C-alpha cells in the first residue's frame, strides 16, 4: 500500500537481493503514491509459494520502475529470499 494515499500497489519484481529489490509498478500511479525516501511499512512480497512482509525504503524511481531497500527484515524472511536466490542461481548454472 502507498504510505500516503493507502492505494494498493502491485507490480512485478525483476531484480531481488538480500538488501532490496527493483520492481515495475502495474497500473496508474500518482506522484503521491510512492516517493523516493518514503518508508513503506508492511510491504508484502510473494516469492514462489511464500510471502514475506517487511518495511522498505524507496531509494530510486524512474517512470514505473522503483528500487527499494529492505528495512528491519526478520531472519525467516531473509531465509526465504536467500533460498530463492540460491535456487535461481543454481538453475542458471546448470
PDB file of N, CA and C in Angstrom:
ATOM      1  N   UNK A   1       0.830  -1.201   0.000  1.00  0.00           N
ATOM      2  CA  UNK A   1       0.000   0.000   0.000  1.00  0.00           C
ATOM      3  C   UNK A   1       0.863   1.249   0.000  1.00  0.00           C
ATOM      4  N   UNK A   2       0.329   2.266  -0.639  1.00  0.00           N
ATOM      5  CA  UNK A   2       1.001   3.555  -0.592  1.00  0.00           C
ATOM      6  C   UNK A   2       0.923   4.105   0.832  1.00  0.00           C
ATOM      7  N   UNK A   3       2.046   4.565   1.378  1.00  0.00           N
ATOM      8  CA  UNK A   3       2.016   5.129   2.728  1.00  0.00           C
ATOM      9  C   UNK A   3       1.194   6.419   2.826  1.00  0.00           C
ATOM     10  N   UNK A   4       1.033   7.131   1.715  1.00  0.00           N
ATOM     11  CA  UNK A   4       0.323   8.410   1.770  1.00  0.00           C
ATOM     12  C   UNK A   4      -1.115   8.330   1.291  1.00  0.00           C
ATOM     13  N   UNK A   5      -1.373   7.544   0.249  1.00  0.00           N
ATOM     14  CA  UNK A   5      -2.728   7.515  -0.310  1.00  0.00           C
ATOM     15  C   UNK A   5      -3.484   6.230   0.023  1.00  0.00           C
ATOM     16  N   UNK A   6      -2.830   5.275   0.664  1.00  0.00           N
ATOM     17  CA  UNK A   6      -3.403   3.982   1.053  1.00  0.00           C
ATOM     18  C   UNK A   6      -3.816   3.135  -0.161  1.00  0.00           C
ATOM     19  N   UNK A   7      -3.425   3.541  -1.339  1.00  0.00           N
ATOM     20  CA  UNK A   7      -3.727   2.800  -2.558  1.00  0.00           C
ATOM     21  C   UNK A   7      -2.939   1.486  -2.581  1.00  0.00           C
ATOM     22  N   UNK A   8      -3.588   0.396  -2.987  1.00  0.00           N
ATOM     23  CA  UNK A   8      -2.893  -0.868  -3.133  1.00  0.00           C
ATOM     24  C   UNK A   8      -2.065  -0.813  -4.415  1.00  0.00           C
ATOM     25  N   UNK A   9      -0.787  -1.137  -4.286  1.00  0.00           N
ATOM     26  CA  UNK A   9       0.123  -1.071  -5.415  1.00  0.00           C
ATOM     27  C   UNK A   9       0.639  -2.483  -5.700  1.00  0.00           C
ATOM     28  N   UNK A  10       0.521  -2.892  -6.940  1.00  0.00           N
ATOM     29  CA  UNK A  10       1.032  -4.197  -7.347  1.00  0.00           C
ATOM     30  C   UNK A  10       2.079  -4.001  -8.425  1.00  0.00           C
ATOM     31  N   UNK A  11       2.926  -5.000  -8.573  1.00  0.00           N
ATOM     32  CA  UNK A  11       3.956  -4.897  -9.591  1.00  0.00           C
ATOM     33  C   UNK A  11       4.686  -6.205  -9.759  1.00  0.00           C
ATOM     34  N   UNK A  12       5.643  -6.197 -10.668  1.00  0.00           N
ATOM     35  CA  UNK A  12       6.443  -7.385 -10.948  1.00  0.00           C
ATOM     36  C   UNK A  12       7.884  -7.129 -10.539  1.00  0.00           C
ATOM     37  N   UNK A  13       8.403  -8.002  -9.684  1.00  0.00           N
ATOM     38  CA  UNK A  13       9.803  -7.917  -9.260  1.00  0.00           C
ATOM     39  C   UNK A  13      10.678  -8.439 -10.391  1.00  0.00           C
ATOM     40  N   UNK A  14      11.698  -7.671 -10.766  1.00  0.00           N
ATOM     41  CA  UNK A  14      12.608  -8.170 -11.787  1.00  0.00           C
ATOM     42  C   UNK A  14      14.045  -8.236 -11.317  1.00  0.00           C
ATOM     43  N   UNK A  15      14.327  -7.820 -10.096  1.00  0.00           N
ATOM     44  CA  UNK A  15      15.652  -7.987  -9.514  1.00  0.00           C
ATOM     45  C   UNK A  15      15.487  -7.993  -7.999  1.00  0.00           C
ATOM     46  N   UNK A  16      16.121  -8.977  -7.340  1.00  0.00           N
ATOM     47  CA  UNK A  16      15.996  -9.077  -5.891  1.00  0.00           C
ATOM     48  C   UNK A  16      17.314  -9.525  -5.293  1.00  0.00           C
ATOM     49  N   UNK A  17      17.615  -8.988  -4.118  1.00  0.00           N
ATOM     50  CA  UNK A  17      18.792  -9.390  -3.354  1.00  0.00           C
ATOM     51  C   UNK A  17      18.395  -9.360  -1.879  1.00  0.00           C
ATOM     52  N   UNK A  18      19.321  -9.727  -1.028  1.00  0.00           N
ATOM     53  CA  UNK A  18      19.050  -9.669   0.414  1.00  0.00           C
ATOM     54  C   UNK A  18      18.811  -8.234   0.852  1.00  0.00           C
ATOM     55  N   UNK A  19      19.406  -7.274   0.157  1.00  0.00           N
ATOM     56  CA  UNK A  19      19.297  -5.873   0.558  1.00  0.00           C
ATOM     57  C   UNK A  19      18.081  -5.135   0.045  1.00  0.00           C
ATOM     58  N   UNK A  20      17.481  -5.625  -1.047  1.00  0.00           N
ATOM     59  CA  UNK A  20      16.341  -4.899  -1.607  1.00  0.00           C
ATOM     60  C   UNK A  20      15.905  -5.500  -2.928  1.00  0.00           C
ATOM     61  N   UNK A  21      15.107  -4.726  -3.653  1.00  0.00           N
ATOM     62  CA  UNK A  21      14.613  -5.214  -4.941  1.00  0.00           C
ATOM     63  C   UNK A  21      14.249  -4.058  -5.845  1.00  0.00           C
ATOM     64  N   UNK A  22      14.066  -4.406  -7.119  1.00  0.00           N
ATOM     65  CA  UNK A  22      13.556  -3.454  -8.107  1.00  0.00           C
ATOM     66  C   UNK A  22      12.285  -4.062  -8.671  1.00  0.00           C
ATOM     67  N   UNK A  23      11.277  -3.225  -8.858  1.00  0.00           N
ATOM     68  CA  UNK A  23      10.020  -3.722  -9.413  1.00  0.00           C
ATOM     69  C   UNK A  23       9.395  -2.709 -10.352  1.00  0.00           C
ATOM     70  N   UNK A  24       8.572  -3.241 -11.244  1.00  0.00           N
ATOM     71  CA  UNK A  24       7.795  -2.396 -12.138  1.00  0.00           C
ATOM     72  C   UNK A  24       6.378  -2.348 -11.601  1.00  0.00           C
ATOM     73  N   UNK A  25       5.881  -1.159 -11.348  1.00  0.00           N
ATOM     74  CA  UNK A  25       4.525  -0.986 -10.814  1.00  0.00           C
ATOM     75  C   UNK A  25       3.500  -1.154 -11.930  1.00  0.00           C
ATOM     76  N   UNK A  26       2.401  -1.850 -11.618  1.00  0.00           N
ATOM     77  CA  UNK A  26       1.297  -2.006 -12.551  1.00  0.00           C
ATOM     78  C   UNK A  26       0.287  -0.885 -12.339  1.00  0.00           C
ATOM     79  N   UNK A  27      -0.420  -0.529 -13.398  1.00  0.00           N
ATOM     80  CA  UNK A  27      -1.494   0.457 -13.288  1.00  0.00           C
ATOM     81  C   UNK A  27      -0.984   1.882 -13.207  1.00  0.00           C
ATOM     82  N   UNK A  28      -1.912   2.784 -13.038  1.00  0.00           N
ATOM     83  CA  UNK A  28      -1.602   4.210 -12.962  1.00  0.00           C
ATOM     84  C   UNK A  28      -1.264   4.606 -11.526  1.00  0.00           C
ATOM     85  N   UNK A  29      -0.112   5.243 -11.349  1.00  0.00           N
ATOM     86  CA  UNK A  29       0.283   5.741 -10.039  1.00  0.00           C
ATOM     87  C   UNK A  29       0.414   7.250 -10.089  1.00  0.00           C
ATOM     88  N   UNK A  30      -0.029   7.875  -9.051  1.00  0.00           N
ATOM     89  CA  UNK A  30       0.113   9.318  -8.891  1.00  0.00           C
ATOM     90  C   UNK A  30       1.457   9.576  -8.208  1.00  0.00           C
ATOM     91  N   UNK A  31       2.019  10.774  -8.379  1.00  0.00           N
ATOM     92  CA  UNK A  31       3.282  11.124  -7.726  1.00  0.00           C
ATOM     93  C   UNK A  31       3.214  10.948  -6.220  1.00  0.00           C
ATOM     94  N   UNK A  32       2.033  11.095  -5.641  1.00  0.00           N
ATOM     95  CA  UNK A  32       1.858  10.993  -4.191  1.00  0.00           C
ATOM     96  C   UNK A  32       1.883   9.551  -3.701  1.00  0.00           C
ATOM     97  N   UNK A  33       1.644   8.583  -4.602  1.00  0.00           N
ATOM     98  CA  UNK A  33       1.542   7.188  -4.178  1.00  0.00           C
ATOM     99  C   UNK A  33       2.859   6.634  -3.629  1.00  0.00           C
ATOM    100  N   UNK A  34       3.943   6.822  -4.347  1.00  0.00           N
ATOM    101  CA  UNK A  34       5.266   6.355  -3.921  1.00  0.00           C
ATOM    102  C   UNK A  34       6.297   7.425  -4.247  1.00  0.00           C
ATOM    103  N   UNK A  35       7.106   7.782  -3.250  1.00  0.00           N
ATOM    104  CA  UNK A  35       8.132   8.802  -3.435  1.00  0.00           C
ATOM    105  C   UNK A  35       9.472   8.291  -2.939  1.00  0.00           C
ATOM    106  N   UNK A  36      10.555   8.759  -3.556  1.00  0.00           N
ATOM    107  CA  UNK A  36      11.896   8.441  -3.087  1.00  0.00           C
ATOM    108  C   UNK A  36      12.047   8.947  -1.654  1.00  0.00           C
ATOM    109  N   UNK A  37      12.728   8.166  -0.823  1.00  0.00           N
ATOM    110  CA  UNK A  37      12.959   8.416   0.610  1.00  0.00           C
ATOM    111  C   UNK A  37      11.725   8.160   1.463  1.00  0.00           C
ATOM    112  N   UNK A  38      10.711   7.537   0.889  1.00  0.00           N
ATOM    113  CA  UNK A  38       9.493   7.236   1.620  1.00  0.00           C
ATOM    114  C   UNK A  38       9.595   5.812   2.173  1.00  0.00           C
ATOM    115  N   UNK A  39       9.167   5.607   3.410  1.00  0.00           N
ATOM    116  CA  UNK A  39       9.183   4.291   4.036  1.00  0.00           C
ATOM    117  C   UNK A  39       7.828   3.617   3.840  1.00  0.00           C
ATOM    118  N   UNK A  40       7.868   2.406   3.332  1.00  0.00           N
ATOM    119  CA  UNK A  40       6.657   1.606   3.184  1.00  0.00           C
ATOM    120  C   UNK A  40       6.665   0.588   4.317  1.00  0.00           C
ATOM    121  N   UNK A  41       5.692   0.653   5.193  1.00  0.00           N
ATOM    122  CA  UNK A  41       5.588  -0.321   6.278  1.00  0.00           C
ATOM    123  C   UNK A  41       4.746  -1.499   5.795  1.00  0.00           C
ATOM    124  N   UNK A  42       5.121  -2.682   6.201  1.00  0.00           N
ATOM    125  CA  UNK A  42       4.370  -3.899   5.870  1.00  0.00           C
ATOM    126  C   UNK A  42       4.227  -4.138   4.370  1.00  0.00           C
ATOM    127  N   UNK A  43       5.315  -3.988   3.643  1.00  0.00           N
ATOM    128  CA  UNK A  43       5.312  -4.313   2.221  1.00  0.00           C
ATOM    129  C   UNK A  43       5.249  -5.825   2.081  1.00  0.00           C
ATOM    130  N   UNK A  44       4.326  -6.308   1.269  1.00  0.00           N
ATOM    131  CA  UNK A  44       4.170  -7.746   1.068  1.00  0.00           C
ATOM    132  C   UNK A  44       4.742  -8.142  -0.278  1.00  0.00           C
ATOM    133  N   UNK A  45       5.560  -9.197  -0.253  1.00  0.00           N
ATOM    134  CA  UNK A  45       6.216  -9.676  -1.469  1.00  0.00           C
ATOM    135  C   UNK A  45       5.980 -11.171  -1.573  1.00  0.00           C
ATOM    136  N   UNK A  46       5.455 -11.603  -2.700  1.00  0.00           N
ATOM    137  CA  UNK A  46       5.239 -13.032  -2.917  1.00  0.00           C
ATOM    138  C   UNK A  46       6.420 -13.587  -3.696  1.00  0.00           C
ATOM    139  N   UNK A  47       7.037 -14.629  -3.138  1.00  0.00           N
ATOM    140  CA  UNK A  47       8.172 -15.298  -3.761  1.00  0.00           C
ATOM    141  C   UNK A  47       7.817 -16.767  -3.856  1.00  0.00           C
ATOM    142  N   UNK A  48       7.614 -17.236  -5.096  1.00  0.00           N
ATOM    143  CA  UNK A  48       7.146 -18.599  -5.324  1.00  0.00           C
ATOM    144  C   UNK A  48       5.884 -18.841  -4.500  1.00  0.00           C
ATOM    145  N   UNK A  49       5.892 -19.815  -3.608  1.00  0.00           N
ATOM    146  CA  UNK A  49       4.711 -20.110  -2.796  1.00  0.00           C
ATOM    147  C   UNK A  49       4.752 -19.432  -1.431  1.00  0.00           C
ATOM    148  N   UNK A  50       5.791 -18.648  -1.177  1.00  0.00           N
ATOM    149  CA  UNK A  50       5.957 -17.974   0.112  1.00  0.00           C
ATOM    150  C   UNK A  50       5.629 -16.500  -0.003  1.00  0.00           C
ATOM    151  N   UNK A  51       5.326 -15.912   1.117  1.00  0.00           N
ATOM    152  CA  UNK A  51       5.056 -14.483   1.163  1.00  0.00           C
ATOM    153  C   UNK A  51       5.835 -13.884   2.327  1.00  0.00           C
ATOM    154  N   UNK A  52       6.483 -12.748   2.079  1.00  0.00           N
ATOM    155  CA  UNK A  52       7.188 -12.059   3.157  1.00  0.00           C
ATOM    156  C   UNK A  52       6.567 -10.681   3.355  1.00  0.00           C
ATOM    157  N   UNK A  53       6.701 -10.183   4.561  1.00  0.00           N
ATOM    158  CA  UNK A  53       6.224  -8.842   4.896  1.00  0.00           C
ATOM    159  C   UNK A  53       7.363  -8.121   5.592  1.00  0.00           C
ATOM    160  N   UNK A  54       7.717  -6.961   5.075  1.00  0.00           N
ATOM    161  CA  UNK A  54       8.821  -6.201   5.639  1.00  0.00           C
ATOM    162  C   UNK A  54       8.595  -4.714   5.398  1.00  0.00           C
ATOM    163  N   UNK A  55       9.362  -3.904   6.071  1.00  0.00           N
ATOM    164  CA  UNK A  55       9.380  -2.472   5.773  1.00  0.00           C
ATOM    165  C   UNK A  55      10.421  -2.238   4.691  1.00  0.00           C
ATOM    166  N   UNK A  56      10.213  -1.202   3.882  1.00  0.00           N
ATOM    167  CA  UNK A  56      11.135  -0.923   2.783  1.00  0.00           C
ATOM    168  C   UNK A  56      11.206   0.581   2.527  1.00  0.00           C
ATOM    169  N   UNK A  57      12.388   1.024   2.165  1.00  0.00           N
ATOM    170  CA  UNK A  57      12.623   2.424   1.840  1.00  0.00           C
ATOM    171  C   UNK A  57      12.781   2.559   0.336  1.00  0.00           C
ATOM    172  N   UNK A  58      12.041   3.453  -0.269  1.00  0.00           N
ATOM    173  CA  UNK A  58      12.181   3.702  -1.706  1.00  0.00           C
ATOM    174  C   UNK A  58      13.448   4.529  -1.909  1.00  0.00           C
ATOM    175  N   UNK A  59      14.374   3.979  -2.718  1.00  0.00           N
ATOM    176  CA  UNK A  59      15.653   4.664  -2.920  1.00  0.00           C
ATOM    177  C   UNK A  59      15.807   5.264  -4.309  1.00  0.00           C
ATOM    178  N   UNK A  60      15.022   4.789  -5.268  1.00  0.00           N
ATOM    179  CA  UNK A  60      15.110   5.341  -6.623  1.00  0.00           C
ATOM    180  C   UNK A  60      13.798   5.090  -7.353  1.00  0.00           C
ATOM    181  N   UNK A  61      13.543   5.948  -8.350  1.00  0.00           N
ATOM    182  CA  UNK A  61      12.314   5.830  -9.130  1.00  0.00           C
ATOM    183  C   UNK A  61      12.534   6.445 -10.501  1.00  0.00           C
ATOM    184  N   UNK A  62      12.122   5.708 -11.526  1.00  0.00           N
ATOM    185  CA  UNK A  62      12.147   6.242 -12.890  1.00  0.00           C
ATOM    186  C   UNK A  62      10.988   5.606 -13.640  1.00  0.00           C
ATOM    187  N   UNK A  63      10.086   6.449 -14.099  1.00  0.00           N
ATOM    188  CA  UNK A  63       8.860   6.018 -14.766  1.00  0.00           C
ATOM    189  C   UNK A  63       8.114   5.047 -13.853  1.00  0.00           C
ATOM    190  N   UNK A  64       7.917   3.793 -14.263  1.00  0.00           N
ATOM    191  CA  UNK A  64       7.184   2.841 -13.424  1.00  0.00           C
ATOM    192  C   UNK A  64       8.101   1.894 -12.663  1.00  0.00           C
ATOM    193  N   UNK A  65       9.410   2.167 -12.693  1.00  0.00           N
ATOM    194  CA  UNK A  65      10.391   1.306 -12.031  1.00  0.00           C
ATOM    195  C   UNK A  65      10.788   1.934 -10.689  1.00  0.00           C
ATOM    196  N   UNK A  66      10.747   1.104  -9.640  1.00  0.00           N
ATOM    197  CA  UNK A  66      11.114   1.546  -8.294  1.00  0.00           C
ATOM    198  C   UNK A  66      12.184   0.621  -7.737  1.00  0.00           C
ATOM    199  N   UNK A  67      13.147   1.194  -7.035  1.00  0.00           N
ATOM    200  CA  UNK A  67      14.156   0.429  -6.320  1.00  0.00           C
ATOM    201  C   UNK A  67      13.925   0.656  -4.840  1.00  0.00           C
ATOM    202  N   UNK A  68      13.914  -0.421  -4.087  1.00  0.00           N
ATOM    203  CA  UNK A  68      13.683  -0.297  -2.653  1.00  0.00           C
ATOM    204  C   UNK A  68      14.774  -1.018  -1.873  1.00  0.00           C
ATOM    205  N   UNK A  69      14.989  -0.543  -0.669  1.00  0.00           N
ATOM    206  CA  UNK A  69      15.944  -1.149   0.263  1.00  0.00           C
ATOM    207  C   UNK A  69      15.133  -1.707   1.426  1.00  0.00           C
ATOM    208  N   UNK A  70      15.341  -2.982   1.748  1.00  0.00           N
ATOM    209  CA  UNK A  70      14.621  -3.582   2.862  1.00  0.00           C
ATOM    210  C   UNK A  70      15.071  -2.968   4.182  1.00  0.00           C
ATOM    211  N   UNK A  71      14.134  -2.863   5.132  1.00  0.00           N
ATOM    212  CA  UNK A  71      14.440  -2.342   6.463  1.00  0.00           C
ATOM    213  C   UNK A  71      13.849  -3.285   7.511  1.00  0.00           C
ATOM    214  N   UNK A  72      14.645  -3.620   8.496  1.00  0.00           N
ATOM    215  CA  UNK A  72      14.174  -4.432   9.627  1.00  0.00           C
ATOM    216  C   UNK A  72      13.588  -5.779   9.213  1.00  0.00           C
ATOM    217  N   UNK A  73      14.217  -6.453   8.275  1.00  0.00           N
ATOM    218  CA  UNK A  73      13.717  -7.753   7.835  1.00  0.00           C
ATOM    219  C   UNK A  73      14.088  -8.824   8.858  1.00  0.00           C
ATOM    220  N   UNK A  74      13.149  -9.718   9.144  1.00  0.00           N
ATOM    221  CA  UNK A  74      13.429 -10.781  10.112  1.00  0.00           C
ATOM    222  C   UNK A  74      14.166 -11.943   9.445  1.00  0.00           C
ATOM    223  N   UNK A  75      14.733 -12.818  10.266  1.00  0.00           N
ATOM    224  CA  UNK A  75      15.544 -13.931   9.758  1.00  0.00           C
ATOM    225  C   UNK A  75      14.743 -14.886   8.883  1.00  0.00           C
ATOM    226  N   UNK A  76      13.485 -15.122   9.205  1.00  0.00           N
ATOM    227  CA  UNK A  76      12.644 -16.022   8.421  1.00  0.00           C
ATOM    228  C   UNK A  76      12.505 -15.506   6.988  1.00  0.00           C
ATOM    229  N   UNK A  77      12.227 -14.211   6.840  1.00  0.00           N
ATOM    230  CA  UNK A  77      12.074 -13.619   5.509  1.00  0.00           C
ATOM    231  C   UNK A  77      13.402 -13.569   4.753  1.00  0.00           C
ATOM    232  N   UNK A  78      14.486 -13.313   5.471  1.00  0.00           N
ATOM    233  CA  UNK A  78      15.818 -13.345   4.847  1.00  0.00           C
ATOM    234  C   UNK A  78      16.090 -14.731   4.284  1.00  0.00           C
ATOM    235  N   UNK A  79      15.703 -15.743   5.024  1.00  0.00           N
ATOM    236  CA  UNK A  79      15.911 -17.120   4.581  1.00  0.00           C
ATOM    237  C   UNK A  79      15.106 -17.420   3.312  1.00  0.00           C
ATOM    238  N   UNK A  80      13.884 -16.933   3.226  1.00  0.00           N
ATOM    239  CA  UNK A  80      13.059 -17.143   2.031  1.00  0.00           C
ATOM    240  C   UNK A  80      13.741 -16.533   0.811  1.00  0.00           C
ATOM    241  N   UNK A  81      14.226 -15.296   0.955  1.00  0.00           N
ATOM    242  CA  UNK A  81      14.900 -14.631  -0.166  1.00  0.00           C
ATOM    243  C   UNK A  81      16.202 -15.347  -0.512  1.00  0.00           C
ATOM    244  N   UNK A  82      16.965 -15.729   0.497  1.00  0.00           N
ATOM    245  CA  UNK A  82      18.230 -16.428   0.255  1.00  0.00           C
ATOM    246  C   UNK A  82      18.008 -17.722  -0.513  1.00  0.00           C
ATOM    247  N   UNK A  83      17.005 -18.495  -0.117  1.00  0.00           N
ATOM    248  CA  UNK A  83      16.703 -19.748  -0.810  1.00  0.00           C
ATOM    249  C   UNK A  83      16.277 -19.485  -2.247  1.00  0.00           C
ATOM    250  N   UNK A  84      15.477 -18.458  -2.460  1.00  0.00           N
ATOM    251  CA  UNK A  84      15.037 -18.113  -3.816  1.00  0.00           C
ATOM    252  C   UNK A  84      16.234 -17.754  -4.698  1.00  0.00           C
ATOM    253  N   UNK A  85      17.127 -16.925  -4.177  1.00  0.00           N
ATOM    254  CA  UNK A  85      18.308 -16.520  -4.938  1.00  0.00           C
ATOM    255  C   UNK A  85      19.189 -17.729  -5.235  1.00  0.00           C
ATOM    256  N   UNK A  86      19.369 -18.588  -4.244  1.00  0.00           N
ATOM    257  CA  UNK A  86      20.171 -19.798  -4.450  1.00  0.00           C
ATOM    258  C   UNK A  86      19.565 -20.667  -5.553  1.00  0.00           C
ATOM    259  N   UNK A  87      18.248 -20.885  -5.486  1.00  0.00           N
ATOM    260  CA  UNK A  87      17.575 -21.718  -6.490  1.00  0.00           C
ATOM    261  C   UNK A  87      17.735 -21.134  -7.891  1.00  0.00           C
ATOM    262  N   UNK A  88      17.541 -19.820  -8.030  1.00  0.00           N
ATOM    263  CA  UNK A  88      17.678 -19.179  -9.344  1.00  0.00           C
ATOM    264  C   UNK A  88      19.114 -19.253  -9.850  1.00  0.00           C
ATOM    265  N   UNK A  89      20.075 -19.054  -8.974  1.00  0.00           N
ATOM    266  CA  UNK A  89      21.478 -19.125  -9.358  1.00  0.00           C
ATOM    267  C   UNK A  89      21.832 -20.546  -9.788  1.00  0.00           C
ATOM    268  N   UNK A  90      21.340 -21.518  -9.045  1.00  0.00           N
ATOM    269  CA  UNK A  90      21.599 -22.922  -9.363  1.00  0.00           C
ATOM    270  C   UNK A  90      20.997 -23.280 -10.720  1.00  0.00           C
ATOM    271  N   UNK A  91      19.758 -22.849 -10.965  1.00  0.00           N
ATOM    272  CA  UNK A  91      19.092 -23.127 -12.244  1.00  0.00           C
ATOM    273  C   UNK A  91      19.849 -22.513 -13.422  1.00  0.00           C
ATOM    274  N   UNK A  92      20.350 -21.291 -13.229  1.00  0.00           N
ATOM    275  CA  UNK A  92      21.055 -20.594 -14.306  1.00  0.00           C
ATOM    276  C   UNK A  92      22.428 -21.194 -14.595  1.00  0.00           C
ATOM    277  N   UNK A  93      22.980 -21.939 -13.644  1.00  0.00           N
ATOM    278  CA  UNK A  93      24.317 -22.512 -13.820  1.00  0.00           C
ATOM    279  C   UNK A  93      24.291 -23.983 -14.195  1.00  0.00           C
ATOM    280  N   UNK A  94      23.132 -24.529 -14.504  1.00  0.00           N
ATOM    281  CA  UNK A  94      23.041 -25.940 -14.911  1.00  0.00           C
ATOM    282  C   UNK A  94      23.622 -26.129 -16.290  1.00  0.00           C
TER     283      UNK A  94
END
